[in-house]
Amino acid sequence: MPYKNLVFAKSSGNYVELMTSGQKRYILKTSIQHIENSLNYDRIIRIHRSYLINIDHLIEFSTQEVTLSNGCILPIGKHYQDNFISLVLNCTVLM
């Protein structure tokens, strides 16, 4: 699966669910931390202890949540808010 097709990754215990732009879902037995560290793609960022998103699929956001191209609305964790907002407002990840 090309990284550009990944919309988001969701952690659930010892598993990570990957959701693609084609609405395909993959489940891996791994941690979200491992996924985050092993991806060599700067368009995927952490927004919550349980979620990674592909910034290319970001439709809109507030300080508390993001809406993605597949219609999913995901929370932004307090620990990740400042970094996420800074990245988006500075357009460092949107270019």
N, C-alpha and C. Protein backbone atom coordinates (compact mmCIF):
# COMPACT_ATOMS: atom_id res chain seq x y z
N MET A 1 0.84 -1.18 0.00
CA MET A 1 0.00 0.00 0.00
C MET A 1 0.89 1.24 0.00
N PRO A 2 0.75 2.09 -1.00
CA PRO A 2 1.52 3.35 -0.99
C PRO A 2 1.08 4.24 0.18
N TYR A 3 2.04 4.92 0.78
CA TYR A 3 1.74 5.79 1.92
C TYR A 3 0.70 6.85 1.60
N LYS A 4 0.71 7.36 0.37
CA LYS A 4 -0.24 8.42 0.01
C LYS A 4 -1.69 7.95 0.10
N ASN A 5 -1.92 6.64 0.04
CA ASN A 5 -3.28 6.09 0.15
C ASN A 5 -3.74 5.92 1.59
N LEU A 6 -2.81 6.00 2.54
CA LEU A 6 -3.17 5.88 3.95
C LEU A 6 -3.87 7.16 4.41
N VAL A 7 -5.07 7.03 4.94
CA VAL A 7 -5.81 8.18 5.47
C VAL A 7 -5.48 8.35 6.95
N PHE A 8 -5.60 7.26 7.72
CA PHE A 8 -5.23 7.33 9.13
C PHE A 8 -4.89 5.94 9.66
N ALA A 9 -4.22 5.93 10.79
CA ALA A 9 -3.92 4.71 11.52
C ALA A 9 -4.49 4.88 12.92
N LYS A 10 -5.13 3.82 13.42
CA LYS A 10 -5.74 3.87 14.75
C LYS A 10 -5.22 2.71 15.58
N SER A 11 -4.75 3.03 16.76
CA SER A 11 -4.24 2.02 17.68
C SER A 11 -5.39 1.46 18.52
N SER A 12 -5.34 0.15 18.72
CA SER A 12 -6.31 -0.51 19.58
C SER A 12 -5.61 -1.68 20.25
N GLY A 13 -5.12 -1.42 21.45
CA GLY A 13 -4.38 -2.45 22.17
C GLY A 13 -3.09 -2.81 21.46
N ASN A 14 -2.92 -4.08 21.14
CA ASN A 14 -1.72 -4.55 20.46
C ASN A 14 -1.86 -4.54 18.94
N TYR A 15 -2.90 -3.89 18.45
CA TYR A 15 -3.17 -3.87 17.01
C TYR A 15 -3.28 -2.44 16.51
N VAL A 16 -3.01 -2.28 15.21
CA VAL A 16 -3.17 -0.98 14.56
C VAL A 16 -4.01 -1.20 13.32
N GLU A 17 -5.06 -0.40 13.20
CA GLU A 17 -5.93 -0.44 12.02
C GLU A 17 -5.48 0.65 11.06
N LEU A 18 -5.23 0.28 9.82
CA LEU A 18 -4.87 1.24 8.78
C LEU A 18 -6.06 1.41 7.86
N MET A 19 -6.50 2.64 7.63
CA MET A 19 -7.62 2.91 6.75
C MET A 19 -7.10 3.65 5.51
N THR A 20 -7.44 3.15 4.34
CA THR A 20 -6.95 3.75 3.10
C THR A 20 -8.01 4.62 2.43
N SER A 21 -7.58 5.38 1.45
CA SER A 21 -8.50 6.25 0.72
C SER A 21 -9.53 5.45 -0.06
N GLY A 22 -9.24 4.21 -0.39
CA GLY A 22 -10.20 3.35 -1.07
C GLY A 22 -11.11 2.60 -0.12
N GLN A 23 -11.14 3.04 1.15
CA GLN A 23 -11.95 2.44 2.22
C GLN A 23 -11.54 1.00 2.53
N LYS A 24 -10.30 0.64 2.17
CA LYS A 24 -9.78 -0.66 2.58
C LYS A 24 -9.21 -0.53 3.98
N ARG A 25 -9.37 -1.59 4.76
CA ARG A 25 -8.92 -1.59 6.14
C ARG A 25 -7.95 -2.75 6.34
N TYR A 26 -6.81 -2.42 6.94
CA TYR A 26 -5.81 -3.43 7.24
C TYR A 26 -5.59 -3.42 8.75
N ILE A 27 -5.43 -4.59 9.33
CA ILE A 27 -5.16 -4.68 10.76
C ILE A 27 -3.82 -5.38 10.94
N LEU A 28 -2.93 -4.73 11.67
CA LEU A 28 -1.59 -5.26 11.92
C LEU A 28 -1.40 -5.48 13.41
N LYS A 29 -0.68 -6.51 13.74
CA LYS A 29 -0.34 -6.75 15.15
C LYS A 29 0.98 -6.03 15.41
N THR A 30 0.87 -4.80 15.85
CA THR A 30 2.01 -3.93 16.13
C THR A 30 1.53 -2.76 16.96
N SER A 31 2.42 -1.85 17.28
CA SER A 31 2.04 -0.66 18.04
C SER A 31 2.01 0.56 17.11
N ILE A 32 1.26 1.55 17.52
CA ILE A 32 1.21 2.80 16.74
C ILE A 32 2.57 3.48 16.76
N GLN A 33 3.29 3.34 17.87
CA GLN A 33 4.64 3.90 17.98
C GLN A 33 5.56 3.26 16.93
N HIS A 34 5.45 1.96 16.76
CA HIS A 34 6.27 1.27 15.77
C HIS A 34 5.94 1.75 14.36
N ILE A 35 4.66 1.90 14.06
CA ILE A 35 4.24 2.41 12.75
C ILE A 35 4.81 3.81 12.54
N GLU A 36 4.65 4.67 13.53
CA GLU A 36 5.13 6.05 13.43
C GLU A 36 6.63 6.09 13.19
N ASN A 37 7.38 5.27 13.91
CA ASN A 37 8.84 5.27 13.78
C ASN A 37 9.33 4.62 12.50
N SER A 38 8.57 3.68 11.96
CA SER A 38 9.05 2.96 10.78
C SER A 38 8.65 3.61 9.46
N LEU A 39 7.66 4.48 9.48
CA LEU A 39 7.26 5.15 8.25
C LEU A 39 8.28 6.20 7.86
N ASN A 40 8.66 6.18 6.63
CA ASN A 40 9.58 7.17 6.11
C ASN A 40 8.80 8.09 5.17
N TYR A 41 7.80 8.77 5.74
CA TYR A 41 6.90 9.61 4.95
C TYR A 41 6.46 10.76 5.85
N ASP A 42 6.94 11.97 5.56
CA ASP A 42 6.72 13.11 6.45
C ASP A 42 5.31 13.69 6.40
N ARG A 43 4.43 13.12 5.60
CA ARG A 43 3.06 13.61 5.51
C ARG A 43 2.15 12.95 6.55
N ILE A 44 2.66 11.97 7.27
CA ILE A 44 1.89 11.27 8.29
C ILE A 44 2.35 11.77 9.66
N ILE A 45 1.39 12.32 10.42
CA ILE A 45 1.74 12.92 11.71
C ILE A 45 0.83 12.38 12.81
N ARG A 46 1.34 12.45 14.01
CA ARG A 46 0.61 11.98 15.19
C ARG A 46 -0.28 13.11 15.69
N ILE A 47 -1.57 12.81 15.93
CA ILE A 47 -2.50 13.82 16.46
C ILE A 47 -3.08 13.41 17.81
N HIS A 48 -2.83 12.17 18.21
CA HIS A 48 -3.45 11.62 19.41
C HIS A 48 -2.65 10.38 19.79
N ARG A 49 -2.73 9.96 21.03
CA ARG A 49 -1.97 8.76 21.41
C ARG A 49 -2.43 7.54 20.63
N SER A 50 -3.64 7.59 20.06
CA SER A 50 -4.17 6.46 19.30
C SER A 50 -4.24 6.69 17.80
N TYR A 51 -3.89 7.89 17.32
CA TYR A 51 -4.09 8.18 15.90
C TYR A 51 -2.89 8.83 15.23
N LEU A 52 -2.64 8.37 14.00
CA LEU A 52 -1.76 9.04 13.04
C LEU A 52 -2.65 9.41 11.86
N ILE A 53 -2.41 10.55 11.24
CA ILE A 53 -3.17 10.91 10.04
C ILE A 53 -2.21 11.27 8.92
N ASN A 54 -2.70 11.11 7.71
CA ASN A 54 -1.98 11.59 6.53
C ASN A 54 -2.49 13.00 6.26
N ILE A 55 -1.62 13.97 6.38
CA ILE A 55 -2.01 15.38 6.26
C ILE A 55 -2.60 15.70 4.88
N ASP A 56 -2.28 14.88 3.87
CA ASP A 56 -2.84 15.08 2.53
C ASP A 56 -4.34 14.81 2.50
N HIS A 57 -4.87 14.13 3.49
CA HIS A 57 -6.30 13.82 3.56
C HIS A 57 -7.04 14.71 4.56
N LEU A 58 -6.38 15.73 5.06
CA LEU A 58 -7.00 16.66 6.00
C LEU A 58 -7.93 17.60 5.25
N ILE A 59 -9.19 17.65 5.67
CA ILE A 59 -10.18 18.53 5.04
C ILE A 59 -10.37 19.78 5.88
N GLU A 60 -10.57 19.62 7.18
CA GLU A 60 -10.70 20.75 8.09
C GLU A 60 -10.29 20.32 9.48
N PHE A 61 -10.07 21.33 10.33
CA PHE A 61 -9.64 21.02 11.70
C PHE A 61 -10.04 22.15 12.63
N SER A 62 -10.10 21.81 13.90
CA SER A 62 -10.26 22.78 14.98
C SER A 62 -9.16 22.45 15.97
N THR A 63 -9.20 23.07 17.12
CA THR A 63 -8.18 22.75 18.13
C THR A 63 -8.43 21.39 18.77
N GLN A 64 -9.61 20.81 18.54
CA GLN A 64 -9.95 19.56 19.20
C GLN A 64 -10.14 18.37 18.28
N GLU A 65 -10.33 18.59 16.97
CA GLU A 65 -10.56 17.47 16.08
C GLU A 65 -10.21 17.79 14.64
N VAL A 66 -10.05 16.73 13.85
CA VAL A 66 -9.78 16.88 12.42
C VAL A 66 -10.86 16.12 11.65
N THR A 67 -11.15 16.60 10.46
CA THR A 67 -12.04 15.89 9.54
C THR A 67 -11.19 15.47 8.35
N LEU A 68 -11.29 14.21 7.99
CA LEU A 68 -10.47 13.66 6.92
C LEU A 68 -11.30 13.43 5.66
N SER A 69 -10.62 13.17 4.56
CA SER A 69 -11.27 13.04 3.25
C SER A 69 -12.29 11.91 3.19
N ASN A 70 -12.18 10.92 4.05
CA ASN A 70 -13.16 9.82 4.05
C ASN A 70 -14.34 10.09 4.98
N GLY A 71 -14.41 11.31 5.53
CA GLY A 71 -15.51 11.70 6.40
C GLY A 71 -15.29 11.42 7.88
N CYS A 72 -14.22 10.73 8.23
CA CYS A 72 -13.94 10.44 9.63
C CYS A 72 -13.55 11.71 10.38
N ILE A 73 -14.07 11.84 11.58
CA ILE A 73 -13.71 12.93 12.46
C ILE A 73 -12.95 12.32 13.63
N LEU A 74 -11.71 12.75 13.81
CA LEU A 74 -10.84 12.19 14.83
C LEU A 74 -10.43 13.25 15.83
N PRO A 75 -10.24 12.86 17.09
CA PRO A 75 -9.84 13.83 18.12
C PRO A 75 -8.35 14.18 18.01
N ILE A 76 -8.02 15.38 18.46
CA ILE A 76 -6.63 15.79 18.61
C ILE A 76 -6.35 15.76 20.11
N GLY A 77 -5.37 14.97 20.51
CA GLY A 77 -5.03 14.88 21.93
C GLY A 77 -4.39 16.15 22.43
N LYS A 78 -4.64 16.50 23.68
CA LYS A 78 -4.08 17.73 24.26
C LYS A 78 -2.57 17.78 24.14
N HIS A 79 -1.92 16.64 24.31
CA HIS A 79 -0.46 16.58 24.23
C HIS A 79 0.04 16.90 22.82
N TYR A 80 -0.79 16.67 21.80
CA TYR A 80 -0.39 16.84 20.40
C TYR A 80 -0.93 18.12 19.77
N GLN A 81 -1.81 18.85 20.45
CA GLN A 81 -2.46 20.04 19.90
C GLN A 81 -1.48 21.10 19.42
N ASP A 82 -0.57 21.50 20.28
CA ASP A 82 0.34 22.60 19.94
C ASP A 82 1.17 22.26 18.71
N ASN A 83 1.72 21.06 18.67
CA ASN A 83 2.54 20.67 17.54
C ASN A 83 1.72 20.62 16.25
N PHE A 84 0.53 20.03 16.33
CA PHE A 84 -0.33 19.93 15.15
C PHE A 84 -0.72 21.30 14.63
N ILE A 85 -1.22 22.16 15.51
CA ILE A 85 -1.65 23.50 15.10
C ILE A 85 -0.46 24.28 14.53
N SER A 86 0.67 24.19 15.16
CA SER A 86 1.87 24.88 14.68
C SER A 86 2.24 24.41 13.27
N LEU A 87 2.23 23.11 13.05
CA LEU A 87 2.56 22.58 11.72
C LEU A 87 1.58 23.07 10.67
N VAL A 88 0.30 23.02 10.98
CA VAL A 88 -0.72 23.42 10.01
C VAL A 88 -0.67 24.93 9.76
N LEU A 89 -0.60 25.73 10.80
CA LEU A 89 -0.60 27.18 10.64
C LEU A 89 0.65 27.69 9.95
N ASN A 90 1.77 27.02 10.16
CA ASN A 90 3.01 27.42 9.50
C ASN A 90 3.14 26.81 8.11
N CYS A 91 2.13 26.03 7.73
CA CYS A 91 2.10 25.41 6.41
C CYS A 91 3.30 24.53 6.11
N THR A 92 3.99 24.07 7.14
CA THR A 92 5.18 23.25 6.91
C THR A 92 4.82 21.88 6.37
N VAL A 93 3.62 21.39 6.64
CA VAL A 93 3.24 20.08 6.15
C VAL A 93 2.23 20.16 4.99
N LEU A 94 1.75 21.33 4.70
CA LEU A 94 0.73 21.44 3.66
C LEU A 94 1.31 21.72 2.28
N MET A 95 2.57 22.00 2.21
CA MET A 95 3.17 22.31 0.91
C MET A 95 3.59 21.07 0.18
